[in-house]
Amino acid sequence: MALGREQGSAIGDLWLPVVLVVVSLFVLMAFETGQAIHDRGALADLRRSQEVLTQRAAQTRVFADRFHHRDRLIRGAREFDRLAEYP
């Protein structure tokens, strides 16, 4: 009978810490979920604010590529003309 009381007392002593750990985990999960929702909204706002800049950078890149290609064609034509002058 004494052994049963000691075992019951050991289980009773562990009950409160186990409940505290479980409750703490649920509170942590709720906090992390709230943070994830907030971060997602902030990232969406950041993406919207940078959308115009991204489009402008893409247009600038296309323009620079076309300009570079045109410049190479002009240099090639000049080189061709220079070589055609001296047979």
C-alpha atoms as a PDB file:
ATOM      1  CA  MET A   1       0.000   0.000   0.000  1.00  0.00           C
ATOM      2  CA  ALA A   2       2.845   2.411   0.747  1.00  0.00           C
ATOM      3  CA  LEU A   3       4.354   1.787  -2.654  1.00  0.00           C
ATOM      4  CA  GLY A   4       1.080   2.778  -4.324  1.00  0.00           C
ATOM      5  CA  ARG A   5       1.015   6.078  -2.421  1.00  0.00           C
ATOM      6  CA  GLU A   6       4.589   6.895  -3.439  1.00  0.00           C
ATOM      7  CA  GLN A   7       3.877   6.122  -7.077  1.00  0.00           C
ATOM      8  CA  GLY A   8       0.672   8.180  -6.980  1.00  0.00           C
ATOM      9  CA  SER A   9       2.539  11.028  -5.317  1.00  0.00           C
ATOM     10  CA  ALA A  10       5.226  10.930  -8.066  1.00  0.00           C
ATOM     11  CA  ILE A  11       2.566  11.111 -10.780  1.00  0.00           C
ATOM     12  CA  GLY A  12       0.816  13.937  -8.948  1.00  0.00           C
ATOM     13  CA  ASP A  13       4.091  15.863  -8.689  1.00  0.00           C
ATOM     14  CA  LEU A  14       4.647  15.628 -12.468  1.00  0.00           C
ATOM     15  CA  TRP A  15       1.135  16.689 -13.435  1.00  0.00           C
ATOM     16  CA  LEU A  16       1.644  20.451 -13.006  1.00  0.00           C
ATOM     17  CA  PRO A  17       4.965  20.715 -14.935  1.00  0.00           C
ATOM     18  CA  VAL A  18       3.560  18.637 -17.810  1.00  0.00           C
ATOM     19  CA  VAL A  19       0.472  20.845 -18.033  1.00  0.00           C
ATOM     20  CA  LEU A  20       2.653  23.974 -17.948  1.00  0.00           C
ATOM     21  CA  VAL A  21       4.862  22.666 -20.762  1.00  0.00           C
ATOM     22  CA  VAL A  22       1.856  21.751 -22.920  1.00  0.00           C
ATOM     23  CA  VAL A  23       0.182  25.107 -22.352  1.00  0.00           C
ATOM     24  CA  SER A  24       3.472  26.906 -23.079  1.00  0.00           C
ATOM     25  CA  LEU A  25       3.803  25.040 -26.378  1.00  0.00           C
ATOM     26  CA  PHE A  26       0.285  26.026 -27.427  1.00  0.00           C
ATOM     27  CA  VAL A  27       0.956  29.667 -26.525  1.00  0.00           C
ATOM     28  CA  LEU A  28       4.214  29.557 -28.517  1.00  0.00           C
ATOM     29  CA  MET A  29       2.446  28.063 -31.542  1.00  0.00           C
ATOM     30  CA  ALA A  30      -0.234  30.762 -31.389  1.00  0.00           C
ATOM     31  CA  PHE A  31       2.405  33.499 -31.173  1.00  0.00           C
ATOM     32  CA  GLU A  32       4.407  32.069 -34.087  1.00  0.00           C
ATOM     33  CA  THR A  33       1.247  31.799 -36.192  1.00  0.00           C
ATOM     34  CA  GLY A  34       0.436  35.441 -35.490  1.00  0.00           C
ATOM     35  CA  GLN A  35       3.975  36.460 -36.438  1.00  0.00           C
ATOM     36  CA  ALA A  36       3.796  34.450 -39.680  1.00  0.00           C
ATOM     37  CA  ILE A  37       0.517  36.133 -40.633  1.00  0.00           C
ATOM     38  CA  HIS A  38       1.979  39.561 -39.871  1.00  0.00           C
ATOM     39  CA  ASP A  39       5.173  38.832 -41.825  1.00  0.00           C
ATOM     40  CA  ARG A  40       3.184  37.605 -44.808  1.00  0.00           C
ATOM     41  CA  GLY A  41       1.225  40.855 -44.900  1.00  0.00           C
ATOM     42  CA  ALA A  42       4.393  42.920 -44.566  1.00  0.00           C
ATOM     43  CA  LEU A  43       6.074  40.992 -47.381  1.00  0.00           C
ATOM     44  CA  ALA A  44       3.038  41.497 -49.618  1.00  0.00           C
ATOM     45  CA  ASP A  45       3.167  45.252 -48.948  1.00  0.00           C
ATOM     46  CA  LEU A  46       6.891  45.320 -49.710  1.00  0.00           C
ATOM     47  CA  ARG A  47       6.370  43.435 -52.950  1.00  0.00           C
ATOM     48  CA  ARG A  48       3.607  45.821 -54.024  1.00  0.00           C
ATOM     49  CA  SER A  49       5.805  48.825 -53.272  1.00  0.00           C
ATOM     50  CA  GLN A  50       8.683  47.425 -55.334  1.00  0.00           C
ATOM     51  CA  GLU A  51       6.551  46.290 -58.289  1.00  0.00           C
ATOM     52  CA  VAL A  52       6.977  49.556 -60.214  1.00  0.00           C
ATOM     53  CA  LEU A  53      10.722  49.575 -59.639  1.00  0.00           C
ATOM     54  CA  THR A  54      10.998  45.984 -60.818  1.00  0.00           C
ATOM     55  CA  GLN A  55       9.069  46.732 -64.016  1.00  0.00           C
ATOM     56  CA  ARG A  56      11.160  49.820 -64.664  1.00  0.00           C
ATOM     57  CA  ALA A  57      14.377  47.842 -64.147  1.00  0.00           C
ATOM     58  CA  ALA A  58      13.191  45.192 -66.598  1.00  0.00           C
ATOM     59  CA  GLN A  59      12.378  47.852 -69.191  1.00  0.00           C
ATOM     60  CA  THR A  60      15.770  49.463 -68.648  1.00  0.00           C
ATOM     61  CA  ARG A  61      17.460  46.095 -69.130  1.00  0.00           C
ATOM     62  CA  VAL A  62      15.607  45.508 -72.418  1.00  0.00           C
ATOM     63  CA  PHE A  63      16.519  49.008 -73.601  1.00  0.00           C
ATOM     64  CA  ALA A  64      20.173  48.505 -72.634  1.00  0.00           C
ATOM     65  CA  ASP A  65      20.300  45.177 -74.466  1.00  0.00           C
ATOM     66  CA  ARG A  66      18.806  46.736 -77.602  1.00  0.00           C
ATOM     67  CA  PHE A  67      21.147  49.707 -77.400  1.00  0.00           C
ATOM     68  CA  HIS A  68      24.163  47.441 -76.942  1.00  0.00           C
ATOM     69  CA  HIS A  69      23.089  45.309 -79.913  1.00  0.00           C
ATOM     70  CA  ARG A  70      22.592  48.432 -82.058  1.00  0.00           C
ATOM     71  CA  ASP A  71      25.979  49.762 -80.974  1.00  0.00           C
ATOM     72  CA  ARG A  72      27.666  46.492 -81.927  1.00  0.00           C
ATOM     73  CA  LEU A  73      25.978  46.592 -85.345  1.00  0.00           C
ATOM     74  CA  ILE A  74      27.171  50.162 -85.946  1.00  0.00           C
ATOM     75  CA  ARG A  75      30.740  49.282 -84.921  1.00  0.00           C
ATOM     76  CA  GLY A  76      30.633  46.254 -87.193  1.00  0.00           C
ATOM     77  CA  ALA A  77      29.387  48.344 -90.112  1.00  0.00           C
ATOM     78  CA  ARG A  78      32.135  50.902 -89.534  1.00  0.00           C
ATOM     79  CA  GLU A  79      34.736  48.148 -89.404  1.00  0.00           C
ATOM     80  CA  PHE A  80      33.323  46.689 -92.629  1.00  0.00           C
ATOM     81  CA  ASP A  81      33.493  50.126 -94.300  1.00  0.00           C
ATOM     82  CA  ARG A  82      37.064  50.598 -93.093  1.00  0.00           C
ATOM     83  CA  LEU A  83      38.119  47.236 -94.467  1.00  0.00           C
ATOM     84  CA  ALA A  84      36.293  47.881 -97.764  1.00  0.00           C
ATOM     85  CA  GLU A  85      38.264  51.106 -98.289  1.00  0.00           C
ATOM     86  CA  TYR A  86      41.632  49.300 -98.236  1.00  0.00           C
ATOM     87  CA  PRO A  87      41.606  46.335-100.589  1.00  0.00           C
END
